[in-house]
């Protein structure tokens, strides 16, 4: 029977998903930890449930980027403009290479232990701090008259790079938004453009992860549903969707301001601290995952 406790757990997991999906920290890892703590799932079950929960953030992204999504539909119906066709090509190529890289990594993730999660978290933290330096440097270059890049300057090679790094995010501990925006910063894209393009492709990467989870690991999803229930899942998805809408809007607005440098630096420090703590506890034999 669905009760107040399950409702609270559902809201908390939804909030965790809605917040962590769009920040440069791994939503899979955060939901994994929350699911282990609240639902008492094992590592593989919690990891699978984290991928399944991305349906809430997919809905939010579709709502927020509804004009871009409509542009993609126009291309499919052969009515798109040149800019819309370029956006379609970007999404298509990115999806293909995300699948090529991400699918085998998702399969490998079944054999990953909890201790191993700390390593990519540590790496992502270091990359984030480097990103903050890159953003600050890119703004100085812009002030000196050196142009940073926007979507219209993207090439086929750029599409492939984004798809490959997004595929790597299938591993536990790797932030999809963090790794894709990092790649775009390295390619000298403006911060707000990097976030927008990363979030847009995230719709299809997350949707693919959702369906792959249903096909490959339905038993693990069922284990979570056995405790949280269908109503609990719906509450979690709604919570994730609402939180995601606010956070997407906030991040894209703040990405064009200097404060994004401090935000990413702080997140990098948090990721490093979390990764180190995870590794220390695991090496000490403490059951950070059950």
Protein backbone atom coordinates (compact mmCIF):
# COMPACT_ATOMS: atom_id res chain seq x y z
CA UNK A 1 0.00 0.00 0.00
CA UNK A 2 1.33 3.42 -0.98
CA UNK A 3 2.02 5.58 2.06
CA UNK A 4 3.47 8.89 3.16
CA UNK A 5 6.99 7.49 3.53
CA UNK A 6 7.03 6.23 -0.06
CA UNK A 7 5.72 9.61 -1.24
CA UNK A 8 8.51 11.41 0.59
CA UNK A 9 11.14 9.06 -0.83
CA UNK A 10 9.67 9.55 -4.31
CA UNK A 11 9.83 13.34 -4.06
CA UNK A 12 13.40 13.23 -2.72
CA UNK A 13 14.60 10.95 -5.52
CA UNK A 14 12.80 13.12 -8.08
CA UNK A 15 14.47 16.25 -6.71
CA UNK A 16 17.88 14.55 -6.75
CA UNK A 17 17.35 13.55 -10.38
CA UNK A 18 16.02 16.96 -11.40
CA UNK A 19 18.92 18.82 -9.82
CA UNK A 20 21.83 16.54 -10.67
CA UNK A 21 20.91 15.88 -14.31
CA UNK A 22 21.61 19.46 -15.36
CA UNK A 23 24.55 20.28 -13.13
CA UNK A 24 28.03 19.05 -14.09
CA UNK A 25 27.75 16.16 -11.62
CA UNK A 26 26.59 12.66 -12.41
CA UNK A 27 22.84 12.29 -12.00
CA UNK A 28 23.25 8.51 -12.24
CA UNK A 29 25.61 8.52 -9.26
CA UNK A 30 23.43 10.83 -7.17
CA UNK A 31 20.25 8.83 -7.84
CA UNK A 32 22.26 5.66 -7.29
CA UNK A 33 23.28 6.84 -3.81
CA UNK A 34 19.77 8.07 -3.00
CA UNK A 35 18.23 4.80 -4.15
CA UNK A 36 20.67 2.75 -2.10
CA UNK A 37 20.04 4.86 0.99
CA UNK A 38 16.26 5.18 0.73
CA UNK A 39 15.21 2.06 -1.17
CA UNK A 40 18.03 -0.26 -0.01
CA UNK A 41 18.83 -1.33 -3.56
CA UNK A 42 22.10 -2.98 -4.50
CA UNK A 43 24.56 -1.25 -6.82
CA UNK A 44 23.29 -2.65 -10.13
CA UNK A 45 19.63 -2.09 -9.21
CA UNK A 46 20.28 1.49 -8.08
CA UNK A 47 22.34 2.25 -11.20
CA UNK A 48 19.58 0.91 -13.45
CA UNK A 49 16.91 2.83 -11.56
CA UNK A 50 18.96 6.01 -11.99
CA UNK A 51 18.87 5.60 -15.77
CA UNK A 52 15.16 4.83 -15.66
CA UNK A 53 14.49 8.03 -13.69
CA UNK A 54 15.83 10.13 -16.56
CA UNK A 55 12.36 10.06 -18.12
CA UNK A 56 11.45 13.02 -15.89
CA UNK A 57 14.32 15.14 -17.14
CA UNK A 58 13.56 14.11 -20.73
CA UNK A 59 10.03 15.48 -20.36
CA UNK A 60 11.37 18.73 -18.91
CA UNK A 61 13.87 19.17 -21.73
CA UNK A 62 11.22 18.51 -24.38
CA UNK A 63 9.00 21.15 -22.80
CA UNK A 64 11.82 23.70 -22.48
CA UNK A 65 13.28 23.05 -25.95
CA UNK A 66 9.92 22.57 -27.62
CA UNK A 67 10.80 25.04 -30.41
CA UNK A 68 14.01 23.15 -31.22
CA UNK A 69 12.17 19.83 -31.08
CA UNK A 70 9.55 21.23 -33.45
CA UNK A 71 12.36 22.30 -35.79
CA UNK A 72 13.62 18.71 -35.87
CA UNK A 73 10.13 17.47 -36.69
CA UNK A 74 9.90 20.00 -39.53
CA UNK A 75 13.07 18.56 -41.06
CA UNK A 76 11.68 15.02 -40.87
CA UNK A 77 8.59 16.23 -42.73
CA UNK A 78 10.85 17.90 -45.33
CA UNK A 79 9.84 21.44 -44.39
CA UNK A 80 12.90 22.55 -42.41
CA UNK A 81 15.07 25.57 -43.13
CA UNK A 82 18.84 25.35 -43.66
CA UNK A 83 19.47 26.17 -39.97
CA UNK A 84 16.94 23.55 -38.90
CA UNK A 85 18.58 20.95 -41.12
CA UNK A 86 21.94 21.75 -39.57
CA UNK A 87 20.44 21.26 -36.11
CA UNK A 88 18.93 17.95 -37.25
CA UNK A 89 22.31 16.78 -38.57
CA UNK A 90 23.97 17.74 -35.30
CA UNK A 91 21.45 15.76 -33.26
CA UNK A 92 21.48 12.76 -35.62
CA UNK A 93 25.28 12.39 -35.76
CA UNK A 94 25.59 12.96 -32.02
CA UNK A 95 22.99 10.26 -31.28
CA UNK A 96 24.70 7.74 -33.58
CA UNK A 97 28.12 8.13 -31.97
CA UNK A 98 26.64 8.27 -28.47
CA UNK A 99 25.05 4.89 -29.16
CA UNK A 100 28.23 3.42 -30.63
CA UNK A 101 30.26 4.39 -27.55
CA UNK A 102 27.59 4.36 -24.84
CA UNK A 103 25.89 1.00 -25.45
CA UNK A 104 28.93 -1.23 -24.75
CA UNK A 105 29.91 0.96 -21.79
CA UNK A 106 26.41 0.57 -20.34
CA UNK A 107 26.78 -3.21 -20.62
CA UNK A 108 30.20 -3.05 -18.96
CA UNK A 109 28.71 -0.98 -16.13
CA UNK A 110 26.96 -4.09 -14.81
CA UNK A 111 30.32 -5.37 -13.60
CA UNK A 112 31.50 -2.10 -12.03
CA UNK A 113 31.80 -2.02 -8.25
CA UNK A 114 30.87 0.88 -6.03
CA UNK A 115 34.51 1.78 -5.31
CA UNK A 116 35.15 2.38 -9.01
CA UNK A 117 32.58 5.17 -9.08
CA UNK A 118 34.97 7.46 -7.20
CA UNK A 119 37.54 7.52 -10.02
CA UNK A 120 35.41 9.19 -12.73
CA UNK A 121 33.97 11.55 -10.10
CA UNK A 122 37.51 12.63 -9.27
CA UNK A 123 38.38 13.09 -12.94
CA UNK A 124 35.20 15.06 -13.66
CA UNK A 125 35.97 17.33 -10.70
CA UNK A 126 39.42 18.13 -12.10
CA UNK A 127 37.94 18.70 -15.55
CA UNK A 128 35.32 21.07 -14.11
CA UNK A 129 37.94 23.22 -12.44
CA UNK A 130 39.82 23.27 -15.73
CA UNK A 131 36.57 24.30 -17.44
CA UNK A 132 36.19 27.25 -15.08
CA UNK A 133 39.66 28.41 -16.09
CA UNK A 134 38.78 27.93 -19.76
CA UNK A 135 35.58 29.96 -19.44
CA UNK A 136 37.42 32.78 -17.72
CA UNK A 137 40.15 32.65 -20.36
CA UNK A 138 37.64 32.60 -23.22
CA UNK A 139 35.99 35.73 -21.87
CA UNK A 140 39.33 37.49 -21.74
CA UNK A 141 39.93 36.49 -25.34
CA UNK A 142 36.50 37.84 -26.28
CA UNK A 143 37.35 41.12 -24.59
CA UNK A 144 40.53 41.20 -26.69
CA UNK A 145 38.51 40.72 -29.87
CA UNK A 146 39.01 36.96 -30.29
CA UNK A 147 35.68 35.38 -31.13
CA UNK A 148 34.32 32.31 -29.38
CA UNK A 149 32.21 29.81 -31.27
CA UNK A 150 28.45 29.38 -31.65
CA UNK A 151 26.32 26.67 -33.21
CA UNK A 152 26.53 27.99 -36.76
CA UNK A 153 30.31 27.33 -36.75
CA UNK A 154 29.97 23.65 -35.79
CA UNK A 155 31.42 21.08 -38.18
CA UNK A 156 30.81 17.36 -38.72
CA UNK A 157 33.94 16.67 -36.66
CA UNK A 158 32.45 18.65 -33.76
CA UNK A 159 29.27 16.55 -33.95
CA UNK A 160 31.32 13.36 -33.65
CA UNK A 161 33.31 14.65 -30.68
CA UNK A 162 30.17 15.61 -28.78
CA UNK A 163 28.60 12.21 -29.54
CA UNK A 164 31.67 10.29 -28.40
CA UNK A 165 32.09 12.15 -25.09
CA UNK A 166 28.36 11.91 -24.45
CA UNK A 167 28.58 8.15 -24.93
CA UNK A 168 31.30 7.96 -22.27
CA UNK A 169 28.73 9.31 -19.80
CA UNK A 170 27.07 5.87 -19.78
CA UNK A 171 29.63 4.91 -17.13
CA UNK A 172 28.65 5.44 -13.47
CA UNK A 173 30.15 8.60 -12.00
CA UNK A 174 30.47 10.40 -15.35
CA UNK A 175 28.27 13.46 -15.77
CA UNK A 176 26.67 13.67 -19.21
CA UNK A 177 26.15 17.43 -19.06
CA UNK A 178 29.54 17.89 -17.41
CA UNK A 179 31.52 15.94 -19.99
CA UNK A 180 29.70 17.37 -23.05
CA UNK A 181 29.90 20.99 -21.91
CA UNK A 182 33.56 20.42 -21.00
CA UNK A 183 34.24 19.21 -24.53
CA UNK A 184 32.51 22.26 -25.98
CA UNK A 185 34.46 24.61 -23.72
CA UNK A 186 37.65 22.97 -24.99
CA UNK A 187 36.39 23.62 -28.54
CA UNK A 188 35.99 27.30 -27.59
CA UNK A 189 32.17 27.45 -27.61
CA UNK A 190 30.44 30.15 -25.59
CA UNK A 191 29.22 28.93 -22.20
CA UNK A 192 25.51 29.49 -22.80
CA UNK A 193 25.74 27.84 -26.23
CA UNK A 194 27.58 24.85 -24.74
CA UNK A 195 24.86 24.35 -22.13
CA UNK A 196 22.05 24.74 -24.67
CA UNK A 197 23.52 22.27 -27.15
CA UNK A 198 24.43 19.81 -24.40
CA UNK A 199 20.94 19.90 -22.87
CA UNK A 200 19.29 19.51 -26.28
CA UNK A 201 21.20 16.34 -27.19
CA UNK A 202 20.58 15.11 -23.67
CA UNK A 203 16.92 14.61 -24.59
CA UNK A 204 17.79 11.81 -26.99
CA UNK A 205 20.65 10.33 -24.94
CA UNK A 206 18.45 10.09 -21.86
CA UNK A 207 15.52 8.70 -23.86
CA UNK A 208 17.79 6.03 -25.34
CA UNK A 209 19.12 5.17 -21.87
CA UNK A 210 15.54 4.83 -20.64
CA UNK A 211 14.51 2.36 -23.34
CA UNK A 212 17.80 0.44 -23.09
CA UNK A 213 17.18 0.10 -19.37
CA UNK A 214 13.71 -1.33 -19.95
CA UNK A 215 15.02 -3.83 -22.48
CA UNK A 216 18.14 -4.99 -20.64
CA UNK A 217 17.50 -4.52 -16.93
CA UNK A 218 13.77 -4.68 -16.32
CA UNK A 219 14.33 -6.91 -13.28
CA UNK A 220 16.39 -4.22 -11.59
CA UNK A 221 13.71 -1.61 -12.28
CA UNK A 222 11.11 -3.97 -10.87
CA UNK A 223 13.10 -4.26 -7.65
CA UNK A 224 12.88 -0.51 -7.15
CA UNK A 225 9.21 -0.38 -8.11
CA UNK A 226 8.47 -3.13 -5.60
CA UNK A 227 9.27 -0.65 -2.85
CA UNK A 228 8.41 2.75 -4.29
CA UNK A 229 5.35 1.59 -6.29
CA UNK A 230 3.84 2.93 -9.52
CA UNK A 231 2.39 5.98 -7.78
CA UNK A 232 5.74 6.65 -6.20
CA UNK A 233 7.45 6.46 -9.59
CA UNK A 234 4.95 8.91 -11.07
CA UNK A 235 5.50 11.33 -8.17
CA UNK A 236 9.28 11.05 -8.64
CA UNK A 237 9.00 11.73 -12.38
CA UNK A 238 6.76 14.78 -11.83
CA UNK A 239 9.14 16.13 -9.19
CA UNK A 240 12.13 15.61 -11.50
CA UNK A 241 10.31 17.34 -14.36
CA UNK A 242 9.34 20.43 -12.34
CA UNK A 243 12.78 20.84 -10.76
CA UNK A 244 14.46 20.31 -14.14
CA UNK A 245 12.44 23.06 -15.83
CA UNK A 246 13.54 25.60 -13.26
CA UNK A 247 17.16 24.48 -13.31
CA UNK A 248 17.54 24.41 -17.11
CA UNK A 249 16.25 27.98 -17.30
CA UNK A 250 18.50 29.11 -14.47
CA UNK A 251 21.68 27.53 -15.84
CA UNK A 252 21.27 28.87 -19.37
CA UNK A 253 20.66 32.37 -17.97
CA UNK A 254 23.61 32.27 -15.59
CA UNK A 255 25.92 30.69 -18.20
CA UNK A 256 26.27 34.07 -19.92
CA UNK A 257 27.38 35.73 -16.68
CA UNK A 258 30.67 35.66 -14.80
CA UNK A 259 29.09 33.78 -11.88
CA UNK A 260 29.14 30.56 -13.89
CA UNK A 261 32.91 30.40 -13.29
CA UNK A 262 32.42 30.27 -9.53
CA UNK A 263 29.55 27.80 -9.82
CA UNK A 264 31.54 25.34 -11.93
CA UNK A 265 34.60 25.71 -9.69
CA UNK A 266 32.50 24.91 -6.61
CA UNK A 267 30.94 21.90 -8.34
CA UNK A 268 34.38 20.69 -9.35
CA UNK A 269 35.58 20.86 -5.75
CA UNK A 270 32.47 18.99 -4.57
CA UNK A 271 32.99 16.29 -7.22
CA UNK A 272 36.64 15.85 -6.24
CA UNK A 273 35.77 15.63 -2.55
CA UNK A 274 33.02 13.11 -3.26
CA UNK A 275 35.26 10.99 -5.46
CA UNK A 276 38.07 10.93 -2.89
CA UNK A 277 35.64 10.10 -0.07
CA UNK A 278 34.10 7.29 -2.11
CA UNK A 279 37.52 5.79 -2.87
CA UNK A 280 38.76 6.08 0.73
CA UNK A 281 35.65 4.45 2.19
CA UNK A 282 35.74 1.68 -0.40
CA UNK A 283 39.44 0.94 0.17
CA UNK A 284 38.81 0.91 3.92
CA UNK A 285 36.26 -1.85 3.42
CA UNK A 286 33.28 0.30 4.37
CA UNK A 287 30.16 -0.70 2.45
CA UNK A 288 29.45 2.54 0.59
CA UNK A 289 27.29 0.43 -1.70
CA UNK A 290 25.53 -2.76 -0.72
